[in-house]
Amino acid sequence: MDTKISLSNTEERQSRFELRTLLETSRMLIESQEPDFVLNNLLLITMGKLLVPKGIILINKGSDHFYVVSKVKGKNSLKEDDSIQLEFPEATLDRSVVKGEEFPDITKKLGLAEGSIFFNLRTTNHHLGFLCLGPKGNKQPLTDSELEFIESLTIISSVAIANSRMFQELRLINRKLDRKVHDLNTLLELSKDFNMMVDREEIARTFKFAMLGQMLIRTFFFVLEIDGKKSIVSSSGLKEKPTKKELNTLFELNDVFYCDEDHDCPFLENNGIRLVIALRFQNEKIGVVGVGAPANNEPYGKEQVNFLQSLGNLALLTIQKTLLLEERIEKRRMEEELNLAKTIQQGLLPSPIPTIDGFDLEATNISSRQVGGDYFDVVETPDGGHILAIADVTGKGVPASLLMANLQSMLHALAPIDITLAEATGSINDIIHKNTPADKFITFFWGKVSADGKRFDYVNAGHNNPLLFRKENKEPEELDAGGVILGAMPSMMPYDSASVKLQSGDTIVFYTDGVTEAMNPQQTEEYEEERLIKCLQKNLEKSSKEIMDAVIDDITEFSNGVQYDDITILVLKVN
């Protein structure tokens, strides 16, 4: 009786001891956040508890049949981190304890002896691996109590492993988040710096140092395409510069190109470039960034590629902003110059229109742009006559206004001189031909109303023929005597001149090609001389201003108000 009581007390103390050991071990394993610590202690505790000389912990690699040797104790040909394929039946993976004698081939493969036993490391949903124990040192089988103890320990360890894995994942996510926050702060600070910069070299230099500092790289290049020309705007650590062909090749690579892929650009290999990233603006590739290996020599991951792209695009946008700013400044400067030229040009045209006794004279110039190429003038000569001139300079803008100013100067210089219109026209032609580019010329018509107002002498240098309407005949006469346009070639032969007698009721209409070449809104049909003559014929009985306004109104209606060229009209009516 006493012996039974003593055995009972001994078993109770043993049970309490195992329970305490189990609780303390559980607390230690669960509080640990390192899988390696958990597995190592699991193997040591179990081997020490059972006095087993050999033990292995296998961790499943995601497939039911492939395992990695995580821990190994005792003499064994397997080493830690070895991979091994063990084909346990599917149903076996749901069991807590598997005896080695059921799978002798696997037991042998693991280097364990007969009598080994495998404890399944698993959670509710996942099989994590096996705790494999060889036979006890005394060759005795495991008791039920020992099996229960180890099984309980493997359950606790499995939970600890799952928790530690989850903790590792969370820690990895936190590190990634910290990196993201750091990258965003870097981009924010750089964007503030870039916004204050207007010098492209400074932007490229700041971008370079940001790349070198943030990515810990030594080799770097930044290529930009501006106005169709590709060039390196910033670089570091390059052994050689790319050829023109290699620059073009860089722009043909994928937007994210790892240089271990096939390519035909020796520049990348010779300089140890690992990664090339394209930079786009409004979906157009206008920049390329290449980087060498980072300090840790690790391959570039997705997060690093995203950061490089963001940083590169930030620099690219800032550079584009400077280009737009320069373009705006240039445009404003040109507008100011055009306004000045317009003011000067308007000063070249007579205002108000001079009056000629015995005549009704009206004229206007409507420019299609700020500075046009049309010109007209009315100049009184010393003998009491009046010179009427109209011209059309090729082109528009400042160049046309300068040529027009030249013509106006020559006309005013020659008007007081006793020289025929034909001779004066030849002189003007030679001067313009000599002093202007070959693609610049002037269509020019001028005539002189005699002092008594009864004769009109004229020379037509390639201009639209003015139309002379007689009072008794509505069909116009065209004033076409003259020669070639001014400036096209030197005067090889004198200009022709002609003279017409003026009678009361006669009307002469001078115009530039902006009148007859006005287009309809569809741009399929021109106004043409025929419409001009019909319009004039309807209004010949009216005053010069009314005739001129009627023509302009008719053109406006035909073109729906859209003007493509300068319009100049001069109407002279004999009272």
Protein backbone atom coordinates (compact mmCIF):
# COMPACT_ATOMS: atom_id res chain seq x y z
CA MET A 1 0.00 0.00 0.00
CA ASP A 2 2.78 2.39 0.97
CA THR A 3 4.65 1.46 -2.20
CA LYS A 4 1.60 2.35 -4.39
CA ILE A 5 1.17 5.68 -2.63
CA SER A 6 4.84 6.43 -3.14
CA LEU A 7 4.63 5.65 -6.91
CA SER A 8 1.54 7.80 -7.24
CA ASN A 9 3.31 10.71 -5.57
CA THR A 10 6.32 10.25 -7.82
CA GLU A 11 4.17 10.27 -11.00
CA GLU A 12 2.32 13.34 -9.75
CA ARG A 13 5.57 15.21 -9.11
CA GLN A 14 6.84 14.14 -12.54
CA SER A 15 3.65 15.33 -14.16
CA ARG A 16 3.81 18.66 -12.36
CA PHE A 17 7.46 19.03 -13.37
CA GLU A 18 6.67 18.33 -17.03
CA LEU A 19 3.73 20.70 -16.94
CA ARG A 20 5.88 23.45 -15.43
CA THR A 21 8.61 22.74 -18.00
CA LEU A 22 6.04 22.87 -20.75
CA LEU A 23 4.59 26.18 -19.52
CA GLU A 24 7.97 27.85 -19.14
CA THR A 25 9.13 26.56 -22.51
CA SER A 26 5.90 27.74 -24.10
CA ARG A 27 6.31 31.21 -22.67
CA MET A 28 9.91 31.39 -23.86
CA LEU A 29 9.10 30.18 -27.37
CA ILE A 30 5.98 32.27 -27.86
CA GLU A 31 7.67 35.44 -26.64
CA SER A 32 10.50 34.83 -29.04
CA GLN A 33 10.08 36.51 -32.42
CA GLU A 34 12.93 34.65 -34.09
CA PRO A 35 12.06 31.39 -35.91
CA ASP A 36 15.66 30.25 -35.67
CA PHE A 37 15.60 30.58 -31.87
CA VAL A 38 12.34 28.65 -31.62
CA LEU A 39 13.53 25.77 -33.80
CA ASN A 40 16.90 25.51 -32.11
CA ASN A 41 15.37 25.38 -28.63
CA LEU A 42 12.69 22.93 -29.71
CA LEU A 43 15.32 20.52 -30.97
CA LEU A 44 17.61 20.92 -27.93
CA ILE A 45 14.80 20.58 -25.38
CA THR A 46 13.33 17.51 -26.96
CA MET A 47 16.68 15.80 -27.42
CA GLY A 48 17.65 16.63 -23.86
CA LYS A 49 14.31 15.53 -22.48
CA LEU A 50 14.35 12.17 -24.28
CA LEU A 51 18.16 11.70 -24.29
CA VAL A 52 18.10 11.32 -28.07
CA PRO A 53 21.54 11.60 -29.77
CA LYS A 54 20.22 12.58 -33.23
CA GLY A 55 17.61 15.09 -34.24
CA ILE A 56 16.62 17.09 -37.31
CA ILE A 57 14.13 19.86 -37.96
CA LEU A 58 12.79 19.99 -41.50
CA ILE A 59 10.94 23.04 -42.79
CA ASN A 60 8.57 22.70 -45.69
CA LYS A 61 9.48 24.91 -48.70
CA GLY A 62 5.92 25.48 -49.78
CA SER A 63 5.58 22.16 -51.55
CA ASP A 64 4.48 19.04 -49.75
CA HIS A 65 7.52 17.07 -50.87
CA PHE A 66 10.38 19.52 -50.57
CA TYR A 67 12.04 20.43 -47.30
CA VAL A 68 15.07 22.34 -46.12
CA VAL A 69 17.18 21.10 -43.21
CA SER A 70 16.77 23.91 -40.70
CA LYS A 71 18.53 22.32 -37.71
CA VAL A 72 20.51 19.14 -37.34
CA LYS A 73 22.11 17.69 -34.22
CA GLY A 74 24.21 14.60 -33.87
CA LYS A 75 26.28 12.82 -36.49
CA ASN A 76 24.55 13.06 -39.81
CA SER A 77 25.51 13.47 -43.47
CA LEU A 78 22.85 16.15 -43.86
CA LYS A 79 23.86 19.74 -43.24
CA GLU A 80 21.83 22.78 -42.34
CA ASP A 81 20.25 24.48 -45.36
CA ASP A 82 20.37 21.26 -47.40
CA SER A 83 17.29 20.64 -49.47
CA ILE A 84 15.68 17.25 -49.51
CA GLN A 85 12.68 15.68 -51.19
CA LEU A 86 10.53 13.49 -48.92
CA GLU A 87 7.35 12.06 -50.36
CA PHE A 88 5.07 11.62 -47.36
CA PRO A 89 1.53 10.54 -48.26
CA GLU A 90 -1.02 13.36 -48.09
CA ALA A 91 -2.91 11.75 -45.19
CA THR A 92 0.30 11.56 -43.15
CA LEU A 93 0.58 15.34 -43.08
CA ASP A 94 -2.62 15.50 -41.00
CA ARG A 95 -1.20 13.28 -38.26
CA SER A 96 0.63 14.68 -35.24
CA VAL A 97 3.12 11.84 -34.85
CA VAL A 98 4.56 9.59 -37.53
CA LYS A 99 6.71 6.62 -36.66
CA GLY A 100 9.88 6.13 -38.71
CA GLU A 101 9.21 2.43 -39.14
CA GLU A 102 6.25 3.33 -41.36
CA PHE A 103 8.64 5.03 -43.80
CA PRO A 104 11.97 3.23 -43.60
CA ASP A 105 13.26 4.77 -46.85
CA ILE A 106 12.64 8.28 -45.55
CA THR A 107 14.16 7.40 -42.20
CA LYS A 108 17.26 6.13 -43.95
CA LYS A 109 17.39 9.17 -46.22
CA LEU A 110 17.43 11.37 -43.13
CA GLY A 111 20.33 9.43 -41.69
CA LEU A 112 18.27 8.19 -38.71
CA ALA A 113 18.16 4.72 -37.24
CA GLU A 114 15.24 2.35 -36.73
CA GLY A 115 12.91 3.53 -33.98
CA SER A 116 12.98 7.14 -35.07
CA ILE A 117 9.87 9.25 -34.81
CA PHE A 118 8.62 12.35 -36.65
CA PHE A 119 6.50 15.03 -34.96
CA ASN A 120 4.45 17.13 -37.36
CA LEU A 121 4.94 20.86 -37.01
CA ARG A 122 1.67 22.32 -38.17
CA THR A 123 -0.95 24.95 -37.51
CA THR A 124 -4.65 24.58 -38.19
CA ASN A 125 -4.24 25.29 -41.89
CA HIS A 126 -0.57 24.78 -42.73
CA HIS A 127 2.02 22.03 -42.55
CA LEU A 128 5.28 23.68 -41.46
CA GLY A 129 7.67 20.72 -41.30
CA PHE A 130 8.84 17.90 -39.05
CA LEU A 131 10.73 17.45 -35.84
CA CYS A 132 12.60 14.22 -36.51
CA LEU A 133 14.11 12.40 -33.56
CA GLY A 134 16.27 9.31 -33.65
CA PRO A 135 15.86 6.48 -31.11
CA LYS A 136 16.67 7.14 -27.48
CA GLY A 137 20.16 6.40 -26.23
CA ASN A 138 18.86 3.42 -24.23
CA LYS A 139 16.95 2.13 -27.30
CA GLN A 140 13.72 2.18 -25.30
CA PRO A 141 10.54 3.27 -27.06
CA LEU A 142 8.97 6.58 -26.10
CA THR A 143 6.39 6.37 -23.39
CA ASP A 144 2.90 7.79 -23.82
CA SER A 145 3.78 10.57 -21.40
CA GLU A 146 6.88 11.46 -23.41
CA LEU A 147 4.95 11.41 -26.67
CA GLU A 148 2.29 13.62 -25.16
CA PHE A 149 4.91 16.03 -23.83
CA ILE A 150 6.77 16.33 -27.16
CA GLU A 151 3.52 16.57 -29.10
CA SER A 152 2.39 19.42 -26.87
CA LEU A 153 5.73 21.12 -27.33
CA THR A 154 5.57 20.82 -31.13
CA ILE A 155 2.09 22.37 -31.12
CA ILE A 156 3.33 25.30 -29.06
CA SER A 157 6.44 25.61 -31.20
CA SER A 158 4.38 25.56 -34.40
CA VAL A 159 2.30 28.46 -33.10
CA ALA A 160 5.48 30.29 -32.10
CA ILE A 161 6.98 29.69 -35.56
CA ALA A 162 3.82 30.93 -37.29
CA ASN A 163 3.74 34.01 -35.07
CA SER A 164 7.41 34.73 -35.58
CA ARG A 165 6.98 34.38 -39.34
CA MET A 166 4.08 36.81 -39.22
CA PHE A 167 6.20 39.14 -37.11
CA GLN A 168 9.03 38.88 -39.63
CA GLU A 169 6.63 39.75 -42.45
CA LEU A 170 5.29 42.73 -40.49
CA ARG A 171 8.79 43.88 -39.77
CA LEU A 172 9.65 43.58 -43.46
CA ILE A 173 6.53 45.55 -44.38
CA ASN A 174 7.44 48.20 -41.82
CA ARG A 175 10.90 48.48 -43.28
CA LYS A 176 9.39 48.91 -46.73
CA LEU A 177 7.00 51.54 -45.39
CA ASP A 178 9.87 53.36 -43.72
CA ARG A 179 11.75 53.27 -47.00
CA LYS A 180 8.70 54.61 -48.84
CA VAL A 181 8.31 57.44 -46.34
CA HIS A 182 11.99 58.23 -46.67
CA ASP A 183 11.75 58.22 -50.49
CA LEU A 184 8.67 60.45 -50.42
CA ASN A 185 10.35 62.90 -48.06
CA THR A 186 13.38 62.94 -50.36
CA LEU A 187 11.20 63.60 -53.40
CA LEU A 188 9.30 66.32 -51.53
CA GLU A 189 12.49 68.09 -50.47
CA LEU A 190 13.96 67.79 -53.95
CA SER A 191 10.77 69.11 -55.54
CA LYS A 192 11.03 72.18 -53.30
CA ASP A 193 14.64 72.68 -54.39
CA PHE A 194 13.84 72.10 -58.06
CA ASN A 195 10.96 74.59 -57.97
CA MET A 196 13.42 77.30 -57.02
CA MET A 197 15.78 76.49 -59.89
CA VAL A 198 15.64 77.91 -63.38
CA ASP A 199 19.11 76.86 -64.53
CA ARG A 200 19.17 73.49 -66.29
CA GLU A 201 22.77 72.76 -65.39
CA GLU A 202 22.01 73.32 -61.73
CA ILE A 203 18.98 71.03 -61.94
CA ALA A 204 21.02 68.29 -63.64
CA ARG A 205 23.78 68.67 -61.06
CA THR A 206 21.33 68.44 -58.14
CA PHE A 207 19.70 65.43 -59.74
CA LYS A 208 23.08 63.71 -60.09
CA PHE A 209 24.06 64.20 -56.45
CA ALA A 210 20.62 63.05 -55.30
CA MET A 211 20.99 59.87 -57.35
CA LEU A 212 24.50 59.18 -56.10
CA GLY A 213 23.58 59.88 -52.48
CA GLN A 214 20.22 58.16 -52.27
CA MET A 215 21.08 55.07 -54.31
CA LEU A 216 24.71 54.79 -53.17
CA ILE A 217 25.98 54.43 -56.70
CA ARG A 218 29.14 55.64 -58.41
CA THR A 219 28.27 55.37 -62.09
CA PHE A 220 25.45 57.44 -63.51
CA PHE A 221 24.41 59.26 -66.69
CA PHE A 222 21.46 61.44 -67.67
CA VAL A 223 20.66 61.93 -71.37
CA LEU A 224 18.16 64.50 -72.63
CA GLU A 225 16.72 65.15 -76.05
CA ILE A 226 16.14 68.85 -76.64
CA ASP A 227 15.07 70.15 -80.04
CA GLY A 228 15.82 66.75 -81.57
CA LYS A 229 19.38 66.64 -80.26
CA LYS A 230 20.38 63.95 -77.74
CA SER A 231 23.22 64.67 -75.32
CA ILE A 232 24.47 63.79 -71.82
CA VAL A 233 23.57 66.62 -69.46
CA SER A 234 24.99 65.02 -66.33
CA SER A 235 27.18 62.01 -65.54
CA SER A 236 29.47 60.45 -62.99
CA GLY A 237 32.06 57.68 -63.15
CA LEU A 238 31.81 57.08 -66.91
CA LYS A 239 34.91 55.63 -68.54
CA GLU A 240 33.82 56.64 -72.02
CA LYS A 241 31.11 58.70 -73.66
CA PRO A 242 28.43 57.19 -75.91
CA THR A 243 28.55 57.61 -79.65
CA LYS A 244 25.66 59.16 -81.55
CA LYS A 245 24.48 55.70 -82.54
CA GLU A 246 24.64 54.50 -78.92
CA LEU A 247 22.64 57.53 -77.78
CA ASN A 248 19.94 56.61 -80.27
CA THR A 249 20.06 53.00 -79.07
CA LEU A 250 19.47 54.11 -75.46
CA PHE A 251 16.19 55.69 -76.54
CA GLU A 252 15.13 52.46 -78.26
CA LEU A 253 15.43 50.28 -75.12
CA ASN A 254 12.46 49.34 -72.96
CA ASP A 255 11.33 51.92 -70.41
CA VAL A 256 12.89 49.81 -67.65
CA PHE A 257 15.85 47.90 -69.07
CA TYR A 258 18.12 45.63 -67.04
CA CYS A 259 21.47 45.53 -68.79
CA ASP A 260 21.93 41.79 -68.32
CA GLU A 261 19.38 41.43 -71.11
CA ASP A 262 20.53 41.28 -74.73
CA HIS A 263 21.39 44.68 -76.21
CA ASP A 264 23.53 46.28 -78.88
CA CYS A 265 25.08 49.13 -76.90
CA PRO A 266 28.73 48.54 -75.86
CA PHE A 267 28.63 51.84 -73.94
CA LEU A 268 26.49 50.17 -71.24
CA GLU A 269 28.81 47.22 -70.76
CA ASN A 270 32.03 49.23 -70.93
CA ASN A 271 30.80 51.54 -68.15
CA GLY A 272 29.23 48.87 -65.95
CA ILE A 273 25.70 50.22 -66.29
CA ARG A 274 23.19 47.90 -64.61
CA LEU A 275 19.87 49.64 -65.23
CA VAL A 276 18.48 52.09 -67.82
CA ILE A 277 15.23 53.94 -67.18
CA ALA A 278 13.31 55.99 -69.73
CA LEU A 279 11.83 59.36 -68.73
CA ARG A 280 8.71 60.53 -70.50
CA PHE A 281 6.94 63.88 -70.79
CA GLN A 282 3.39 63.79 -72.16
CA ASN A 283 3.99 60.17 -73.19
CA GLU A 284 7.03 61.16 -75.26
CA LYS A 285 10.42 59.68 -74.34
CA ILE A 286 12.76 62.63 -73.99
CA GLY A 287 15.17 61.44 -71.30
CA VAL A 288 17.15 58.36 -70.29
CA VAL A 289 18.86 57.64 -66.97
CA GLY A 290 21.42 54.89 -66.49
CA VAL A 291 22.92 53.73 -63.19
CA GLY A 292 25.72 51.38 -62.26
CA ALA A 293 25.75 48.85 -59.45
CA PRO A 294 24.75 50.05 -55.95
CA ALA A 295 27.23 49.88 -53.07
CA ASN A 296 25.86 46.53 -51.85
CA ASN A 297 26.09 45.14 -55.41
CA GLU A 298 22.51 43.85 -55.06
CA PRO A 299 20.22 43.83 -58.11
CA TYR A 300 17.74 46.72 -58.36
CA GLY A 301 14.31 45.86 -56.97
CA LYS A 302 10.92 47.21 -57.90
CA GLU A 303 10.96 49.84 -55.12
CA GLN A 304 14.33 51.17 -56.25
CA VAL A 305 13.22 51.30 -59.87
CA ASN A 306 10.09 53.22 -58.86
CA PHE A 307 12.16 55.69 -56.85
CA LEU A 308 14.60 56.19 -59.74
CA GLN A 309 11.70 56.78 -62.12
CA SER A 310 10.05 59.26 -59.74
CA LEU A 311 13.28 61.14 -59.13
CA GLY A 312 14.11 61.21 -62.84
CA ASN A 313 10.65 62.40 -63.84
CA LEU A 314 10.82 65.11 -61.17
CA ALA A 315 14.06 66.43 -62.66
CA LEU A 316 12.67 66.09 -66.17
CA LEU A 317 9.52 68.07 -65.32
CA THR A 318 11.62 70.82 -63.78
CA ILE A 319 13.80 71.00 -66.89
CA GLN A 320 10.69 71.10 -69.09
CA LYS A 321 9.41 73.94 -66.93
CA THR A 322 12.59 75.93 -67.61
CA LEU A 323 12.22 75.28 -71.35
CA LEU A 324 8.62 76.50 -71.28
CA LEU A 325 9.69 79.52 -69.24
CA GLU A 326 12.39 80.36 -71.78
CA GLU A 327 9.89 79.89 -74.58
CA ARG A 328 7.44 82.22 -72.87
CA ILE A 329 10.11 84.85 -72.31
CA GLU A 330 11.18 84.57 -75.95
CA LYS A 331 7.57 84.84 -77.10
CA ARG A 332 7.02 87.91 -74.96
CA ARG A 333 10.20 89.47 -76.31
CA MET A 334 9.07 88.79 -79.86
CA GLU A 335 5.65 90.27 -79.14
CA GLU A 336 7.30 93.41 -77.81
CA GLU A 337 9.48 93.61 -80.90
CA LEU A 338 6.47 93.04 -83.15
CA ASN A 339 4.52 95.75 -81.37
CA LEU A 340 7.45 98.11 -81.86
CA ALA A 341 7.74 97.12 -85.52
CA LYS A 342 4.00 97.59 -85.96
CA THR A 343 4.22 101.07 -84.51
CA ILE A 344 7.11 101.89 -86.85
CA GLN A 345 5.27 100.38 -89.82
CA GLN A 346 2.09 102.30 -89.12
CA GLY A 347 4.25 105.41 -89.11
CA LEU A 348 5.38 104.59 -92.65
CA LEU A 349 1.82 104.73 -94.01
CA PRO A 350 0.28 108.12 -94.65
CA SER A 351 -2.11 109.20 -91.94
CA PRO A 352 -4.34 110.92 -92.51
CA ILE A 353 -4.70 110.19 -96.22
CA PRO A 354 -3.57 113.34 -98.09
CA THR A 355 -6.13 115.14 -100.21
CA ILE A 356 -5.64 115.97 -103.88
CA ASP A 357 -7.63 118.81 -105.36
CA GLY A 358 -10.13 117.54 -107.89
CA PHE A 359 -9.92 113.94 -106.62
CA ASP A 360 -11.64 111.77 -104.06
CA LEU A 361 -8.94 109.58 -102.52
CA GLU A 362 -9.28 106.86 -99.89
CA ALA A 363 -6.99 104.05 -98.82
CA THR A 364 -6.62 101.44 -96.09
CA ASN A 365 -4.33 98.67 -94.97
CA ILE A 366 -5.64 95.70 -92.95
CA SER A 367 -2.83 93.50 -91.71
CA SER A 368 -3.40 89.78 -91.17
CA ARG A 369 -0.69 89.75 -88.47
CA GLN A 370 0.73 92.31 -86.15
CA VAL A 371 3.26 93.41 -88.75
CA GLY A 372 2.24 93.00 -92.39
CA GLY A 373 4.05 93.23 -95.72
CA ASP A 374 1.73 95.60 -97.64
CA TYR A 375 2.54 99.24 -98.23
CA PHE A 376 0.89 102.24 -99.84
CA ASP A 377 1.82 105.88 -99.98
CA VAL A 378 0.75 109.27 -101.32
CA VAL A 379 3.51 111.85 -101.83
CA GLU A 380 3.26 115.33 -103.27
CA THR A 381 6.02 116.23 -105.76
CA PRO A 382 7.65 119.68 -106.09
CA ASP A 383 5.85 120.35 -109.37
CA GLY A 384 2.45 120.05 -107.68
CA GLY A 385 1.80 116.50 -108.82
CA HIS A 386 1.13 113.53 -106.52
CA ILE A 387 2.72 110.11 -106.47
CA LEU A 388 0.49 107.19 -105.51
CA ALA A 389 2.25 103.92 -104.67
CA ILE A 390 1.22 100.46 -103.55
CA ALA A 391 3.48 97.50 -102.83
CA ASP A 392 3.52 94.00 -101.36
CA VAL A 393 6.69 92.79 -99.64
CA THR A 394 7.30 89.04 -99.48
CA GLY A 395 6.83 87.57 -96.04
CA LYS A 396 5.47 89.08 -92.87
CA GLY A 397 6.77 90.33 -89.58
CA VAL A 398 9.88 92.34 -88.81
CA PRO A 399 11.83 91.38 -92.00
CA ALA A 400 8.96 92.58 -94.21
CA SER A 401 8.59 95.81 -92.24
CA LEU A 402 12.33 96.55 -92.61
CA LEU A 403 12.17 96.03 -96.37
CA MET A 404 9.08 98.19 -96.50
CA ALA A 405 10.93 100.94 -94.60
CA ASN A 406 13.71 100.71 -97.20
CA LEU A 407 11.22 101.12 -100.03
CA GLN A 408 9.50 104.02 -98.33
CA SER A 409 12.83 105.79 -97.81
CA MET A 410 13.81 105.36 -101.46
CA LEU A 411 10.40 106.51 -102.68
CA HIS A 412 10.50 109.66 -100.56
CA ALA A 413 14.11 110.31 -101.61
CA LEU A 414 13.36 109.98 -105.33
CA ALA A 415 10.02 111.79 -105.37
CA PRO A 416 11.48 115.33 -105.33
CA ILE A 417 14.08 114.49 -107.99
CA ASP A 418 13.41 115.28 -111.61
CA ILE A 419 13.63 111.73 -112.88
CA THR A 420 11.20 109.57 -114.80
CA LEU A 421 9.24 106.88 -113.03
CA ALA A 422 10.85 104.22 -115.21
CA GLU A 423 14.37 105.36 -114.34
CA ALA A 424 13.52 105.66 -110.66
CA THR A 425 11.98 102.18 -110.69
CA GLY A 426 15.19 100.74 -112.19
CA SER A 427 17.28 102.40 -109.46
CA ILE A 428 15.02 101.11 -106.71
CA ASN A 429 15.15 97.60 -108.19
CA ASP A 430 18.97 97.58 -108.33
CA ILE A 431 19.32 98.79 -104.75
CA ILE A 432 16.88 96.25 -103.40
CA HIS A 433 18.41 93.44 -105.43
CA LYS A 434 21.86 94.32 -104.16
CA ASN A 435 20.98 94.71 -100.48
CA THR A 436 18.39 92.04 -99.81
CA PRO A 437 18.48 88.21 -99.79
CA ALA A 438 17.53 86.39 -102.98
CA ASP A 439 14.23 85.21 -101.51
CA LYS A 440 13.09 88.75 -100.70
CA PHE A 441 11.36 90.86 -103.35
CA ILE A 442 8.58 93.40 -103.76
CA THR A 443 5.66 93.74 -106.14
CA PHE A 444 5.37 97.46 -106.70
CA PHE A 445 3.13 99.90 -108.60
CA TRP A 446 3.41 103.62 -108.57
CA GLY A 447 2.04 106.41 -110.66
CA LYS A 448 1.99 110.16 -110.74
CA VAL A 449 -1.05 112.36 -111.04
CA SER A 450 0.01 115.44 -112.97
CA ALA A 451 -0.30 118.83 -111.36
CA ASP A 452 -3.32 119.68 -113.50
CA GLY A 453 -4.92 116.35 -112.66
CA LYS A 454 -5.46 115.35 -116.27
CA ARG A 455 -2.76 112.69 -116.69
CA PHE A 456 -1.63 109.67 -114.80
CA ASP A 457 1.84 108.23 -115.59
CA TYR A 458 2.69 104.89 -114.06
CA VAL A 459 5.08 101.92 -113.84
CA ASN A 460 3.97 98.47 -112.75
CA ALA A 461 6.78 96.32 -111.30
CA GLY A 462 5.04 92.97 -111.13
CA HIS A 463 2.14 94.16 -108.98
CA ASN A 464 -1.56 93.30 -109.36
CA ASN A 465 -2.78 95.47 -112.23
CA PRO A 466 -4.77 98.44 -110.89
CA LEU A 467 -8.19 98.75 -112.48
CA LEU A 468 -9.23 101.94 -114.31
CA PHE A 469 -12.96 102.36 -114.68
CA ARG A 470 -14.09 104.99 -117.20
CA LYS A 471 -17.36 106.78 -116.53
CA GLU A 472 -18.89 105.66 -119.80
CA ASN A 473 -17.56 102.06 -119.66
CA LYS A 474 -17.92 99.67 -116.76
CA GLU A 475 -15.35 97.26 -118.16
CA PRO A 476 -12.02 98.20 -116.50
CA GLU A 477 -8.72 98.90 -118.16
CA GLU A 478 -5.75 97.18 -116.50
CA LEU A 479 -2.66 99.30 -115.85
CA ASP A 480 0.01 96.72 -116.67
CA ALA A 481 2.89 98.57 -118.30
CA GLY A 482 6.17 98.11 -116.42
CA GLY A 483 8.57 95.25 -115.77
CA VAL A 484 9.69 92.58 -113.33
CA ILE A 485 9.17 92.68 -109.59
CA LEU A 486 11.66 94.64 -107.50
CA GLY A 487 14.69 92.78 -106.14
CA ALA A 488 14.32 89.59 -108.15
CA MET A 489 17.14 90.43 -110.58
CA PRO A 490 19.23 93.42 -111.61
CA SER A 491 17.73 95.80 -114.16
CA MET A 492 18.78 94.19 -117.45
CA MET A 493 16.51 96.51 -119.46
CA PRO A 494 14.62 99.67 -118.54
CA TYR A 495 11.13 99.45 -117.08
CA ASP A 496 8.26 100.43 -119.37
CA SER A 497 5.97 103.23 -118.34
CA ALA A 498 2.58 104.31 -119.61
CA SER A 499 0.29 107.30 -119.36
CA VAL A 500 -3.47 107.54 -119.24
CA LYS A 501 -5.68 110.59 -119.49
CA LEU A 502 -7.99 111.22 -116.57
CA GLN A 503 -11.54 112.42 -116.99
CA SER A 504 -14.27 113.30 -114.56
CA GLY A 505 -15.93 110.17 -113.19
CA ASP A 506 -12.90 107.93 -113.79
CA THR A 507 -12.01 105.61 -110.92
CA ILE A 508 -8.70 103.80 -110.35
CA VAL A 509 -8.58 100.99 -107.81
CA PHE A 510 -5.21 99.83 -106.52
CA TYR A 511 -5.07 96.64 -104.48
CA THR A 512 -2.75 93.91 -103.22
CA ASP A 513 -3.12 90.14 -103.68
CA GLY A 514 -4.68 89.89 -100.24
CA VAL A 515 -7.90 91.07 -101.92
CA THR A 516 -8.13 88.64 -104.82
CA GLU A 517 -6.55 85.71 -102.95
CA ALA A 518 -8.87 85.88 -99.92
CA MET A 519 -10.15 82.36 -99.20
CA ASN A 520 -13.58 81.04 -98.35
CA PRO A 521 -13.88 79.32 -94.91
CA GLN A 522 -13.32 75.91 -96.49
CA GLN A 523 -10.15 77.23 -98.15
CA THR A 524 -11.28 75.73 -101.45
CA GLU A 525 -11.95 78.91 -103.43
CA GLU A 526 -10.32 82.33 -103.82
CA TYR A 527 -12.13 85.66 -104.04
CA GLU A 528 -10.44 86.37 -107.41
CA GLU A 529 -10.46 89.40 -109.66
CA GLU A 530 -13.81 88.57 -111.20
CA ARG A 531 -15.67 89.06 -107.89
CA LEU A 532 -13.69 92.24 -107.23
CA ILE A 533 -14.69 93.74 -110.59
CA LYS A 534 -18.37 92.85 -110.06
CA CYS A 535 -18.31 94.45 -106.64
CA LEU A 536 -16.65 97.58 -108.00
CA GLN A 537 -19.08 97.81 -110.92
CA LYS A 538 -22.02 97.81 -108.47
CA ASN A 539 -20.53 100.66 -106.45
CA LEU A 540 -18.80 102.91 -108.97
CA GLU A 541 -21.30 105.72 -108.44
CA LYS A 542 -20.41 105.93 -104.77
CA SER A 543 -17.58 107.85 -103.07
CA SER A 544 -14.08 106.38 -102.83
CA LYS A 545 -14.61 105.45 -99.19
CA GLU A 546 -17.95 103.80 -99.93
CA ILE A 547 -16.37 101.86 -102.81
CA MET A 548 -13.49 100.75 -100.59
CA ASP A 549 -15.85 99.73 -97.74
CA ALA A 550 -18.05 97.79 -100.14
CA VAL A 551 -15.08 95.74 -101.32
CA ILE A 552 -13.93 95.02 -97.76
CA ASP A 553 -17.47 94.03 -96.71
CA ASP A 554 -17.75 91.71 -99.71
CA ILE A 555 -14.42 90.05 -98.90
CA THR A 556 -15.40 89.67 -95.24
CA GLU A 557 -18.67 88.01 -96.21
CA PHE A 558 -16.88 85.70 -98.67
CA SER A 559 -14.22 84.65 -96.19
CA ASN A 560 -16.52 84.67 -93.16
CA GLY A 561 -14.15 87.11 -91.49
CA VAL A 562 -11.12 84.80 -91.69
CA GLN A 563 -8.12 86.68 -93.09
CA TYR A 564 -4.97 84.89 -94.32
CA ASP A 565 -3.10 87.81 -95.95
CA ASP A 566 -2.78 91.58 -95.70
CA ILE A 567 -5.45 93.57 -97.52
CA THR A 568 -4.58 96.98 -98.98
CA ILE A 569 -6.89 99.05 -101.18
CA LEU A 570 -6.45 102.52 -102.58
CA VAL A 571 -9.29 104.16 -104.51
CA LEU A 572 -8.77 107.31 -106.60
CA LYS A 573 -11.82 108.91 -108.11
CA VAL A 574 -11.77 111.91 -110.44
CA ASN A 575 -14.34 114.43 -109.39
